[in-house]
């Protein structure tokens, strides 16, 4: 079944970012809207889509959980084929969407379909289960990768992630005092969520411009 897409940013952008949503939020949540707008202001083209279970939730109102990762991987690959994008392509996702993208990245990179991988708040482990790591495939990742992560993210804080074995192809942008949505505590850090969004957009634009 064909997917619906939300496209933000210039049609002639040099780089297109395909952005998948997280486990519980649709492609048009305020977070996804704000992030897409910030990226588009950096001359990046953002293409959002929804996995089938989320589209079904939108039409029926029933909150079914995501299917297993293998099915989500197949669906993300199908989305890439549907797009038939010209020029450099980066696959990306918020939380679960980024994890799924990371699981298909090397296969797509090997055949020249994508130039890079972007994860916005990677779920290194479930909340409260720091020993249940989702990092095995990240140790040998070959695709140029940028992970943007809040330093106090409950899915993987800076202190936790510093001890993981990760590929040298992975760059991490740490957002001071940010949570899983990059929101800092202003009283603690003196920073705002808007400032972190700008930092993320600036860094991604610079990183993407260096991709082969």
Foldseek 3Di string as FASTA:
>chain_A
DDWDKDKAADPPAQEEEEEEEDFQDHCPDPLNVLLRNLLRVLRYMYIYTYDPQVVVCVVPVDRDTDDDLVVVLVVVVVNLVVCPDPHAYEYEYQAVSQLSCQVCVQVCVVVPSHQAGEYQQYQQDPQPCLPRGSCPSQLPRDHQYEYEHEQAESSAHPVSCVPDRGHPSYDYHYQYQQYSSGAHDCVVVVDGSVVSSNVVSVVVSVVVVPTD
